[in-house]
Amino acid sequence: MVLFTQNNIFLTLTNFKGEVFLWKSIGNLKIKGVKKLTNSFFKNFIFITLNEIKLKSNLRIHVKLKGYNKSKKLFTRILLIFLQEITYSLIDIATEPMNGCKLKKKRRL
């Protein structure tokens, strides 16, 4: 599962039972004074984290995306290009409120 927050991206790899065997954050690669959410950070994060998984022969991955981020589309594209041969499915479970939009607060003087 890939969780997108406003300032970070978390990658969690589990088996079908839900047991976590890999958990990484893109914030681990951050260098002081440099933005985290850039194209080069995405490529390095995906290559470093998933290179050992890609080498396994009979592995199939189901990708779940959750949350919103300004760079969600770019990260997902790079992830799917890197894991092209072993990706089985892609699901976006971004939660949206079902109660409609909140009305603006009336201004009182």
PDB file of N, CA and C in Angstrom:
ATOM      1  N   MET A   1       0.846  -1.165   0.000  1.00  0.00           N
ATOM      2  CA  MET A   1       0.000   0.000   0.000  1.00  0.00           C
ATOM      3  C   MET A   1       0.897   1.236   0.000  1.00  0.00           C
ATOM      4  N   VAL A   2       0.501   2.224  -0.752  1.00  0.00           N
ATOM      5  CA  VAL A   2       1.221   3.485  -0.821  1.00  0.00           C
ATOM      6  C   VAL A   2       0.309   4.548  -0.226  1.00  0.00           C
ATOM      7  N   LEU A   3       0.757   5.195   0.853  1.00  0.00           N
ATOM      8  CA  LEU A   3      -0.031   6.229   1.525  1.00  0.00           C
ATOM      9  C   LEU A   3       0.583   7.578   1.211  1.00  0.00           C
ATOM     10  N   PHE A   4      -0.228   8.456   0.626  1.00  0.00           N
ATOM     11  CA  PHE A   4       0.217   9.795   0.288  1.00  0.00           C
ATOM     12  C   PHE A   4      -0.303  10.770   1.338  1.00  0.00           C
ATOM     13  N   THR A   5       0.612  11.501   1.971  1.00  0.00           N
ATOM     14  CA  THR A   5       0.222  12.583   2.867  1.00  0.00           C
ATOM     15  C   THR A   5       0.644  13.887   2.205  1.00  0.00           C
ATOM     16  N   GLN A   6       0.397  14.983   2.865  1.00  0.00           N
ATOM     17  CA  GLN A   6       0.684  16.276   2.256  1.00  0.00           C
ATOM     18  C   GLN A   6       2.179  16.462   1.988  1.00  0.00           C
ATOM     19  N   ASN A   7       3.031  16.000   2.895  1.00  0.00           N
ATOM     20  CA  ASN A   7       4.459  16.238   2.766  1.00  0.00           C
ATOM     21  C   ASN A   7       5.307  14.979   2.666  1.00  0.00           C
ATOM     22  N   ASN A   8       4.691  13.804   2.603  1.00  0.00           N
ATOM     23  CA  ASN A   8       5.479  12.580   2.625  1.00  0.00           C
ATOM     24  C   ASN A   8       4.740  11.467   1.898  1.00  0.00           C
ATOM     25  N   ILE A   9       5.461  10.412   1.588  1.00  0.00           N
ATOM     26  CA  ILE A   9       4.883   9.224   0.961  1.00  0.00           C
ATOM     27  C   ILE A   9       5.404   8.011   1.717  1.00  0.00           C
ATOM     28  N   PHE A  10       4.504   7.127   2.131  1.00  0.00           N
ATOM     29  CA  PHE A  10       4.854   5.919   2.869  1.00  0.00           C
ATOM     30  C   PHE A  10       4.538   4.705   2.014  1.00  0.00           C
ATOM     31  N   LEU A  11       5.452   3.748   2.013  1.00  0.00           N
ATOM     32  CA  LEU A  11       5.287   2.514   1.250  1.00  0.00           C
ATOM     33  C   LEU A  11       5.280   1.351   2.228  1.00  0.00           C
ATOM     34  N   THR A  12       4.222   0.551   2.214  1.00  0.00           N
ATOM     35  CA  THR A  12       4.098  -0.604   3.095  1.00  0.00           C
ATOM     36  C   THR A  12       3.873  -1.840   2.243  1.00  0.00           C
ATOM     37  N   LEU A  13       4.722  -2.844   2.418  1.00  0.00           N
ATOM     38  CA  LEU A  13       4.560  -4.103   1.702  1.00  0.00           C
ATOM     39  C   LEU A  13       4.136  -5.176   2.693  1.00  0.00           C
ATOM     40  N   THR A  14       3.031  -5.840   2.400  1.00  0.00           N
ATOM     41  CA  THR A  14       2.503  -6.888   3.269  1.00  0.00           C
ATOM     42  C   THR A  14       2.199  -8.124   2.434  1.00  0.00           C
ATOM     43  N   ASN A  15       2.005  -9.234   3.135  1.00  0.00           N
ATOM     44  CA  ASN A  15       1.515 -10.415   2.443  1.00  0.00           C
ATOM     45  C   ASN A  15      -0.014 -10.398   2.509  1.00  0.00           C
ATOM     46  N   PHE A  16      -0.661 -11.438   2.002  1.00  0.00           N
ATOM     47  CA  PHE A  16      -2.121 -11.454   1.970  1.00  0.00           C
ATOM     48  C   PHE A  16      -2.751 -11.557   3.351  1.00  0.00           C
ATOM     49  N   LYS A  17      -1.988 -12.023   4.328  1.00  0.00           N
ATOM     50  CA  LYS A  17      -2.505 -12.109   5.695  1.00  0.00           C
ATOM     51  C   LYS A  17      -2.432 -10.769   6.419  1.00  0.00           C
ATOM     52  N   GLY A  18      -1.699  -9.809   5.867  1.00  0.00           N
ATOM     53  CA  GLY A  18      -1.579  -8.500   6.477  1.00  0.00           C
ATOM     54  C   GLY A  18      -0.322  -8.319   7.306  1.00  0.00           C
ATOM     55  N   GLU A  19       0.576  -9.269   7.258  1.00  0.00           N
ATOM     56  CA  GLU A  19       1.825  -9.173   8.009  1.00  0.00           C
ATOM     57  C   GLU A  19       2.812  -8.279   7.246  1.00  0.00           C
ATOM     58  N   VAL A  20       3.285  -7.238   7.894  1.00  0.00           N
ATOM     59  CA  VAL A  20       4.176  -6.267   7.257  1.00  0.00           C
ATOM     60  C   VAL A  20       5.595  -6.821   7.195  1.00  0.00           C
ATOM     61  N   PHE A  21       6.206  -6.800   5.995  1.00  0.00           N
ATOM     62  CA  PHE A  21       7.601  -7.206   5.901  1.00  0.00           C
ATOM     63  C   PHE A  21       8.490  -6.099   5.341  1.00  0.00           C
ATOM     64  N   LEU A  22       7.920  -4.950   4.944  1.00  0.00           N
ATOM     65  CA  LEU A  22       8.716  -3.805   4.541  1.00  0.00           C
ATOM     66  C   LEU A  22       7.907  -2.541   4.732  1.00  0.00           C
ATOM     67  N   TRP A  23       8.496  -1.550   5.391  1.00  0.00           N
ATOM     68  CA  TRP A  23       7.853  -0.253   5.600  1.00  0.00           C
ATOM     69  C   TRP A  23       8.903   0.822   5.410  1.00  0.00           C
ATOM     70  N   LYS A  24       8.671   1.719   4.455  1.00  0.00           N
ATOM     71  CA  LYS A  24       9.635   2.777   4.159  1.00  0.00           C
ATOM     72  C   LYS A  24       8.909   4.103   3.979  1.00  0.00           C
ATOM     73  N   SER A  25       9.649   5.177   4.205  1.00  0.00           N
ATOM     74  CA  SER A  25       9.155   6.532   4.013  1.00  0.00           C
ATOM     75  C   SER A  25      10.118   7.270   3.109  1.00  0.00           C
ATOM     76  N   ILE A  26       9.576   8.130   2.244  1.00  0.00           N
ATOM     77  CA  ILE A  26      10.450   8.891   1.360  1.00  0.00           C
ATOM     78  C   ILE A  26      11.238   9.936   2.147  1.00  0.00           C
ATOM     79  N   GLY A  27      10.802  10.241   3.362  1.00  0.00           N
ATOM     80  CA  GLY A  27      11.510  11.182   4.221  1.00  0.00           C
ATOM     81  C   GLY A  27      12.856  10.666   4.685  1.00  0.00           C
ATOM     82  N   ASN A  28      13.077   9.353   4.622  1.00  0.00           N
ATOM     83  CA  ASN A  28      14.367   8.785   5.017  1.00  0.00           C
ATOM     84  C   ASN A  28      15.497   9.216   4.084  1.00  0.00           C
ATOM     85  N   LEU A  29      15.168   9.530   2.829  1.00  0.00           N
ATOM     86  CA  LEU A  29      16.185   9.920   1.856  1.00  0.00           C
ATOM     87  C   LEU A  29      16.439  11.422   1.849  1.00  0.00           C
ATOM     88  N   LYS A  30      15.692  12.162   2.622  1.00  0.00           N
ATOM     89  CA  LYS A  30      15.752  13.625   2.550  1.00  0.00           C
ATOM     90  C   LYS A  30      17.111  14.161   2.981  1.00  0.00           C
ATOM     91  N   ILE A  31      17.595  15.096   2.196  1.00  0.00           N
ATOM     92  CA  ILE A  31      18.806  15.825   2.521  1.00  0.00           C
ATOM     93  C   ILE A  31      18.370  17.214   2.986  1.00  0.00           C
ATOM     94  N   LYS A  32      19.023  17.742   3.976  1.00  0.00           N
ATOM     95  CA  LYS A  32      18.624  19.023   4.553  1.00  0.00           C
ATOM     96  C   LYS A  32      18.657  20.126   3.498  1.00  0.00           C
ATOM     97  N   GLY A  33      17.568  20.873   3.418  1.00  0.00           N
ATOM     98  CA  GLY A  33      17.477  21.990   2.493  1.00  0.00           C
ATOM     99  C   GLY A  33      16.974  21.623   1.111  1.00  0.00           C
ATOM    100  N   VAL A  34      16.609  20.365   0.882  1.00  0.00           N
ATOM    101  CA  VAL A  34      16.140  19.916  -0.427  1.00  0.00           C
ATOM    102  C   VAL A  34      14.713  19.412  -0.287  1.00  0.00           C
ATOM    103  N   LYS A  35      13.878  19.667  -1.292  1.00  0.00           N
ATOM    104  CA  LYS A  35      12.500  19.196  -1.253  1.00  0.00           C
ATOM    105  C   LYS A  35      12.454  17.673  -1.375  1.00  0.00           C
ATOM    106  N   LYS A  36      11.495  17.065  -0.662  1.00  0.00           N
ATOM    107  CA  LYS A  36      11.336  15.605  -0.705  1.00  0.00           C
ATOM    108  C   LYS A  36      10.623  15.142  -1.959  1.00  0.00           C
ATOM    109  N   LEU A  37       9.631  15.886  -2.384  1.00  0.00           N
ATOM    110  CA  LEU A  37       8.745  15.416  -3.435  1.00  0.00           C
ATOM    111  C   LEU A  37       9.220  15.890  -4.809  1.00  0.00           C
ATOM    112  N   THR A  38      10.356  15.360  -5.239  1.00  0.00           N
ATOM    113  CA  THR A  38      10.880  15.664  -6.563  1.00  0.00           C
ATOM    114  C   THR A  38      11.041  14.371  -7.347  1.00  0.00           C
ATOM    115  N   ASN A  39      11.209  14.524  -8.634  1.00  0.00           N
ATOM    116  CA  ASN A  39      11.300  13.379  -9.535  1.00  0.00           C
ATOM    117  C   ASN A  39      12.497  12.484  -9.193  1.00  0.00           C
ATOM    118  N   SER A  40      13.644  13.085  -8.903  1.00  0.00           N
ATOM    119  CA  SER A  40      14.834  12.288  -8.595  1.00  0.00           C
ATOM    120  C   SER A  40      14.684  11.537  -7.275  1.00  0.00           C
ATOM    121  N   PHE A  41      14.017  12.144  -6.286  1.00  0.00           N
ATOM    122  CA  PHE A  41      13.770  11.449  -5.022  1.00  0.00           C
ATOM    123  C   PHE A  41      12.861  10.245  -5.234  1.00  0.00           C
ATOM    124  N   PHE A  42      11.851  10.395  -6.081  1.00  0.00           N
ATOM    125  CA  PHE A  42      10.950   9.278  -6.360  1.00  0.00           C
ATOM    126  C   PHE A  42      11.705   8.116  -6.974  1.00  0.00           C
ATOM    127  N   LYS A  43      12.530   8.402  -7.971  1.00  0.00           N
ATOM    128  CA  LYS A  43      13.275   7.333  -8.647  1.00  0.00           C
ATOM    129  C   LYS A  43      14.235   6.645  -7.686  1.00  0.00           C
ATOM    130  N   ASN A  44      14.961   7.422  -6.885  1.00  0.00           N
ATOM    131  CA  ASN A  44      15.886   6.823  -5.920  1.00  0.00           C
ATOM    132  C   ASN A  44      15.158   5.989  -4.885  1.00  0.00           C
ATOM    133  N   PHE A  45      14.036   6.505  -4.379  1.00  0.00           N
ATOM    134  CA  PHE A  45      13.250   5.795  -3.369  1.00  0.00           C
ATOM    135  C   PHE A  45      12.742   4.465  -3.898  1.00  0.00           C
ATOM    136  N   ILE A  46      12.174   4.484  -5.092  1.00  0.00           N
ATOM    137  CA  ILE A  46      11.625   3.261  -5.676  1.00  0.00           C
ATOM    138  C   ILE A  46      12.741   2.275  -6.007  1.00  0.00           C
ATOM    139  N   PHE A  47      13.837   2.762  -6.578  1.00  0.00           N
ATOM    140  CA  PHE A  47      14.933   1.869  -6.958  1.00  0.00           C
ATOM    141  C   PHE A  47      15.577   1.235  -5.736  1.00  0.00           C
ATOM    142  N   ILE A  48      15.852   2.029  -4.701  1.00  0.00           N
ATOM    143  CA  ILE A  48      16.500   1.504  -3.501  1.00  0.00           C
ATOM    144  C   ILE A  48      15.587   0.533  -2.752  1.00  0.00           C
ATOM    145  N   THR A  49      14.320   0.897  -2.626  1.00  0.00           N
ATOM    146  CA  THR A  49      13.387   0.098  -1.837  1.00  0.00           C
ATOM    147  C   THR A  49      12.963  -1.185  -2.537  1.00  0.00           C
ATOM    148  N   LEU A  50      12.672  -1.098  -3.807  1.00  0.00           N
ATOM    149  CA  LEU A  50      12.042  -2.227  -4.497  1.00  0.00           C
ATOM    150  C   LEU A  50      12.977  -3.027  -5.394  1.00  0.00           C
ATOM    151  N   ASN A  51      14.246  -2.711  -5.423  1.00  0.00           N
ATOM    152  CA  ASN A  51      15.165  -3.437  -6.300  1.00  0.00           C
ATOM    153  C   ASN A  51      15.303  -4.894  -5.889  1.00  0.00           C
ATOM    154  N   GLU A  52      15.388  -5.174  -4.594  1.00  0.00           N
ATOM    155  CA  GLU A  52      15.522  -6.559  -4.145  1.00  0.00           C
ATOM    156  C   GLU A  52      14.245  -7.361  -4.354  1.00  0.00           C
ATOM    157  N   ILE A  53      13.105  -6.708  -4.327  1.00  0.00           N
ATOM    158  CA  ILE A  53      11.823  -7.397  -4.535  1.00  0.00           C
ATOM    159  C   ILE A  53      11.650  -7.764  -6.004  1.00  0.00           C
ATOM    160  N   LYS A  54      12.130  -6.894  -6.880  1.00  0.00           N
ATOM    161  CA  LYS A  54      11.978  -7.119  -8.315  1.00  0.00           C
ATOM    162  C   LYS A  54      12.748  -8.356  -8.779  1.00  0.00           C
ATOM    163  N   LEU A  55      13.793  -8.733  -8.053  1.00  0.00           N
ATOM    164  CA  LEU A  55      14.624  -9.869  -8.457  1.00  0.00           C
ATOM    165  C   LEU A  55      13.963 -11.219  -8.198  1.00  0.00           C
ATOM    166  N   LYS A  56      12.944 -11.270  -7.336  1.00  0.00           N
ATOM    167  CA  LYS A  56      12.248 -12.536  -7.078  1.00  0.00           C
ATOM    168  C   LYS A  56      11.442 -12.921  -8.307  1.00  0.00           C
ATOM    169  N   SER A  57      11.490 -14.190  -8.665  1.00  0.00           N
ATOM    170  CA  SER A  57      10.953 -14.616  -9.954  1.00  0.00           C
ATOM    171  C   SER A  57       9.427 -14.731  -9.997  1.00  0.00           C
ATOM    172  N   ASN A  58       8.819 -15.346  -9.018  1.00  0.00           N
ATOM    173  CA  ASN A  58       7.375 -15.631  -9.102  1.00  0.00           C
ATOM    174  C   ASN A  58       6.557 -14.709  -8.199  1.00  0.00           C
ATOM    175  N   LEU A  59       6.898 -13.461  -8.147  1.00  0.00           N
ATOM    176  CA  LEU A  59       6.226 -12.506  -7.281  1.00  0.00           C
ATOM    177  C   LEU A  59       5.270 -11.642  -8.093  1.00  0.00           C
ATOM    178  N   ARG A  60       4.037 -11.481  -7.598  1.00  0.00           N
ATOM    179  CA  ARG A  60       3.046 -10.594  -8.200  1.00  0.00           C
ATOM    180  C   ARG A  60       2.626  -9.577  -7.152  1.00  0.00           C
ATOM    181  N   ILE A  61       2.490  -8.318  -7.561  1.00  0.00           N
ATOM    182  CA  ILE A  61       2.194  -7.238  -6.622  1.00  0.00           C
ATOM    183  C   ILE A  61       0.844  -6.608  -6.945  1.00  0.00           C
ATOM    184  N   HIS A  62       0.042  -6.399  -5.906  1.00  0.00           N
ATOM    185  CA  HIS A  62      -1.191  -5.626  -5.982  1.00  0.00           C
ATOM    186  C   HIS A  62      -0.896  -4.282  -5.341  1.00  0.00           C
ATOM    187  N   VAL A  63      -1.079  -3.194  -6.065  1.00  0.00           N
ATOM    188  CA  VAL A  63      -0.744  -1.859  -5.570  1.00  0.00           C
ATOM    189  C   VAL A  63      -2.023  -1.173  -5.124  1.00  0.00           C
ATOM    190  N   LYS A  64      -2.041  -0.693  -3.861  1.00  0.00           N
ATOM    191  CA  LYS A  64      -3.160   0.088  -3.337  1.00  0.00           C
ATOM    192  C   LYS A  64      -2.662   1.494  -3.055  1.00  0.00           C
ATOM    193  N   LEU A  65      -3.367   2.481  -3.564  1.00  0.00           N
ATOM    194  CA  LEU A  65      -3.025   3.878  -3.343  1.00  0.00           C
ATOM    195  C   LEU A  65      -4.048   4.483  -2.403  1.00  0.00           C
ATOM    196  N   LYS A  66      -3.577   5.283  -1.446  1.00  0.00           N
ATOM    197  CA  LYS A  66      -4.475   5.896  -0.484  1.00  0.00           C
ATOM    198  C   LYS A  66      -3.993   7.305  -0.183  1.00  0.00           C
ATOM    199  N   GLY A  67      -4.915   8.250  -0.132  1.00  0.00           N
ATOM    200  CA  GLY A  67      -4.571   9.619   0.219  1.00  0.00           C
ATOM    201  C   GLY A  67      -4.397  10.503  -1.000  1.00  0.00           C
ATOM    202  N   TYR A  68      -4.155  11.772  -0.719  1.00  0.00           N
ATOM    203  CA  TYR A  68      -3.983  12.763  -1.772  1.00  0.00           C
ATOM    204  C   TYR A  68      -2.647  13.453  -1.606  1.00  0.00           C
ATOM    205  N   ASN A  69      -2.070  13.827  -2.743  1.00  0.00           N
ATOM    206  CA  ASN A  69      -0.795  14.520  -2.743  1.00  0.00           C
ATOM    207  C   ASN A  69      -0.652  15.191  -4.099  1.00  0.00           C
ATOM    208  N   LYS A  70       0.081  16.289  -4.157  1.00  0.00           N
ATOM    209  CA  LYS A  70       0.247  16.985  -5.427  1.00  0.00           C
ATOM    210  C   LYS A  70       1.072  16.179  -6.429  1.00  0.00           C
ATOM    211  N   SER A  71       1.857  15.245  -5.963  1.00  0.00           N
ATOM    212  CA  SER A  71       2.708  14.464  -6.857  1.00  0.00           C
ATOM    213  C   SER A  71       2.305  12.991  -6.906  1.00  0.00           C
ATOM    214  N   LYS A  72       1.061  12.702  -6.614  1.00  0.00           N
ATOM    215  CA  LYS A  72       0.585  11.313  -6.603  1.00  0.00           C
ATOM    216  C   LYS A  72       0.657  10.686  -7.995  1.00  0.00           C
ATOM    217  N   LYS A  73       0.268  11.440  -8.992  1.00  0.00           N
ATOM    218  CA  LYS A  73       0.246  10.922 -10.355  1.00  0.00           C
ATOM    219  C   LYS A  73       1.664  10.600 -10.846  1.00  0.00           C
ATOM    220  N   LEU A  74       2.607  11.483 -10.578  1.00  0.00           N
ATOM    221  CA  LEU A  74       3.990  11.278 -10.997  1.00  0.00           C
ATOM    222  C   LEU A  74       4.610  10.076 -10.297  1.00  0.00           C
ATOM    223  N   PHE A  75       4.408   9.956  -8.979  1.00  0.00           N
ATOM    224  CA  PHE A  75       4.955   8.831  -8.227  1.00  0.00           C
ATOM    225  C   PHE A  75       4.363   7.513  -8.714  1.00  0.00           C
ATOM    226  N   THR A  76       3.063   7.487  -8.948  1.00  0.00           N
ATOM    227  CA  THR A  76       2.403   6.266  -9.417  1.00  0.00           C
ATOM    228  C   THR A  76       2.920   5.859 -10.789  1.00  0.00           C
ATOM    229  N   ARG A  77       3.126   6.822 -11.658  1.00  0.00           N
ATOM    230  CA  ARG A  77       3.644   6.521 -12.997  1.00  0.00           C
ATOM    231  C   ARG A  77       5.043   5.903 -12.928  1.00  0.00           C
ATOM    232  N   ILE A  78       5.913   6.491 -12.106  1.00  0.00           N
ATOM    233  CA  ILE A  78       7.276   5.960 -11.969  1.00  0.00           C
ATOM    234  C   ILE A  78       7.244   4.561 -11.340  1.00  0.00           C
ATOM    235  N   LEU A  79       6.377   4.367 -10.339  1.00  0.00           N
ATOM    236  CA  LEU A  79       6.254   3.063  -9.676  1.00  0.00           C
ATOM    237  C   LEU A  79       5.795   1.988 -10.655  1.00  0.00           C
ATOM    238  N   LEU A  80       4.803   2.286 -11.477  1.00  0.00           N
ATOM    239  CA  LEU A  80       4.286   1.291 -12.421  1.00  0.00           C
ATOM    240  C   LEU A  80       5.282   1.006 -13.547  1.00  0.00           C
ATOM    241  N   ILE A  81       6.055   2.003 -13.956  1.00  0.00           N
ATOM    242  CA  ILE A  81       7.084   1.754 -14.971  1.00  0.00           C
ATOM    243  C   ILE A  81       8.165   0.839 -14.409  1.00  0.00           C
ATOM    244  N   PHE A  82       8.559   1.072 -13.157  1.00  0.00           N
ATOM    245  CA  PHE A  82       9.607   0.261 -12.533  1.00  0.00           C
ATOM    246  C   PHE A  82       9.136  -1.171 -12.282  1.00  0.00           C
ATOM    247  N   LEU A  83       7.893  -1.334 -11.848  1.00  0.00           N
ATOM    248  CA  LEU A  83       7.354  -2.663 -11.516  1.00  0.00           C
ATOM    249  C   LEU A  83       6.431  -3.197 -12.610  1.00  0.00           C
ATOM    250  N   GLN A  84       6.714  -2.855 -13.829  1.00  0.00           N
ATOM    251  CA  GLN A  84       5.843  -3.184 -14.950  1.00  0.00           C
ATOM    252  C   GLN A  84       5.600  -4.683 -15.105  1.00  0.00           C
ATOM    253  N   GLU A  85       6.630  -5.488 -14.936  1.00  0.00           N
ATOM    254  CA  GLU A  85       6.511  -6.931 -15.184  1.00  0.00           C
ATOM    255  C   GLU A  85       5.791  -7.662 -14.060  1.00  0.00           C
ATOM    256  N   ILE A  86       5.875  -7.157 -12.826  1.00  0.00           N
ATOM    257  CA  ILE A  86       5.328  -7.912 -11.698  1.00  0.00           C
ATOM    258  C   ILE A  86       4.062  -7.297 -11.104  1.00  0.00           C
ATOM    259  N   THR A  87       3.576  -6.178 -11.644  1.00  0.00           N
ATOM    260  CA  THR A  87       2.356  -5.556 -11.126  1.00  0.00           C
ATOM    261  C   THR A  87       1.150  -6.312 -11.646  1.00  0.00           C
ATOM    262  N   TYR A  88       0.290  -6.721 -10.724  1.00  0.00           N
ATOM    263  CA  TYR A  88      -0.900  -7.494 -11.068  1.00  0.00           C
ATOM    264  C   TYR A  88      -2.130  -6.608 -11.152  1.00  0.00           C
ATOM    265  N   SER A  89      -2.300  -5.686 -10.192  1.00  0.00           N
ATOM    266  CA  SER A  89      -3.453  -4.798 -10.206  1.00  0.00           C
ATOM    267  C   SER A  89      -3.119  -3.482  -9.518  1.00  0.00           C
ATOM    268  N   LEU A  90      -3.952  -2.466  -9.769  1.00  0.00           N
ATOM    269  CA  LEU A  90      -3.793  -1.147  -9.173  1.00  0.00           C
ATOM    270  C   LEU A  90      -5.154  -0.687  -8.673  1.00  0.00           C
ATOM    271  N   ILE A  91      -5.220  -0.335  -7.383  1.00  0.00           N
ATOM    272  CA  ILE A  91      -6.474   0.099  -6.769  1.00  0.00           C
ATOM    273  C   ILE A  91      -6.228   1.424  -6.072  1.00  0.00           C
ATOM    274  N   ASP A  92      -7.117   2.389  -6.287  1.00  0.00           N
ATOM    275  CA  ASP A  92      -7.034   3.677  -5.611  1.00  0.00           C
ATOM    276  C   ASP A  92      -8.184   3.756  -4.612  1.00  0.00           C
ATOM    277  N   ILE A  93      -7.848   3.719  -3.317  1.00  0.00           N
ATOM    278  CA  ILE A  93      -8.876   3.743  -2.277  1.00  0.00           C
ATOM    279  C   ILE A  93      -8.853   5.061  -1.515  1.00  0.00           C
ATOM    280  N   ALA A  94      -8.710   6.148  -2.276  1.00  0.00           N
ATOM    281  CA  ALA A  94      -8.702   7.473  -1.658  1.00  0.00           C
ATOM    282  C   ALA A  94     -10.073   7.738  -1.037  1.00  0.00           C
ATOM    283  N   THR A  95     -10.075   8.103   0.213  1.00  0.00           N
ATOM    284  CA  THR A  95     -11.331   8.323   0.909  1.00  0.00           C
ATOM    285  C   THR A  95     -11.831   9.737   0.672  1.00  0.00           C
ATOM    286  N   GLU A  96     -13.072   9.823   0.272  1.00  0.00           N
ATOM    287  CA  GLU A  96     -13.720  11.113   0.093  1.00  0.00           C
ATOM    288  C   GLU A  96     -14.919  11.161   1.022  1.00  0.00           C
ATOM    289  N   PRO A  97     -15.203  12.323   1.607  1.00  0.00           N
ATOM    290  CA  PRO A  97     -16.364  12.407   2.479  1.00  0.00           C
ATOM    291  C   PRO A  97     -17.656  12.231   1.688  1.00  0.00           C
ATOM    292  N   MET A  98     -18.581  11.491   2.258  1.00  0.00           N
ATOM    293  CA  MET A  98     -19.852  11.219   1.587  1.00  0.00           C
ATOM    294  C   MET A  98     -20.963  12.171   2.036  1.00  0.00           C
ATOM    295  N   ASN A  99     -20.640  13.116   2.908  1.00  0.00           N
ATOM    296  CA  ASN A  99     -21.671  13.994   3.439  1.00  0.00           C
ATOM    297  C   ASN A  99     -21.756  15.321   2.697  1.00  0.00           C
ATOM    298  N   GLY A 100     -21.092  15.466   1.569  1.00  0.00           N
ATOM    299  CA  GLY A 100     -21.164  16.698   0.806  1.00  0.00           C
ATOM    300  C   GLY A 100     -20.188  17.737   1.309  1.00  0.00           C
ATOM    301  N   CYS A 101     -20.305  18.924   0.779  1.00  0.00           N
ATOM    302  CA  CYS A 101     -19.397  20.003   1.144  1.00  0.00           C
ATOM    303  C   CYS A 101     -19.899  20.736   2.380  1.00  0.00           C
ATOM    304  N   LYS A 102     -18.970  21.192   3.169  1.00  0.00           N
ATOM    305  CA  LYS A 102     -19.318  21.958   4.365  1.00  0.00           C
ATOM    306  C   LYS A 102     -19.636  23.389   3.957  1.00  0.00           C
ATOM    307  N   LEU A 103     -20.687  23.938   4.506  1.00  0.00           N
ATOM    308  CA  LEU A 103     -21.068  25.304   4.194  1.00  0.00           C
ATOM    309  C   LEU A 103     -20.066  26.270   4.812  1.00  0.00           C
ATOM    310  N   LYS A 104     -19.882  27.407   4.135  1.00  0.00           N
ATOM    311  CA  LYS A 104     -18.985  28.413   4.661  1.00  0.00           C
ATOM    312  C   LYS A 104     -19.551  29.003   5.926  1.00  0.00           C
ATOM    313  N   LYS A 105     -18.677  29.294   6.868  1.00  0.00           N
ATOM    314  CA  LYS A 105     -19.106  29.886   8.122  1.00  0.00           C
ATOM    315  C   LYS A 105     -19.554  31.324   7.860  1.00  0.00           C
ATOM    316  N   LYS A 106     -20.718  31.699   8.418  1.00  0.00           N
ATOM    317  CA  LYS A 106     -21.238  33.049   8.216  1.00  0.00           C
ATOM    318  C   LYS A 106     -20.393  34.032   9.001  1.00  0.00           C
ATOM    319  N   ARG A 107     -20.062  35.104   8.351  1.00  0.00           N
ATOM    320  CA  ARG A 107     -19.229  36.121   8.985  1.00  0.00           C
ATOM    321  C   ARG A 107     -20.075  37.050   9.824  1.00  0.00           C
ATOM    322  N   ARG A 108     -19.644  37.260  11.055  1.00  0.00           N
ATOM    323  CA  ARG A 108     -20.358  38.172  11.956  1.00  0.00           C
ATOM    324  C   ARG A 108     -19.483  39.386  12.217  1.00  0.00           C
ATOM    325  N   LEU A 109     -20.102  40.510  12.227  1.00  0.00           N
ATOM    326  CA  LEU A 109     -19.354  41.752  12.506  1.00  0.00           C
ATOM    327  C   LEU A 109     -19.604  42.233  13.915  1.00  0.00           C
TER     328      LEU A 109
END
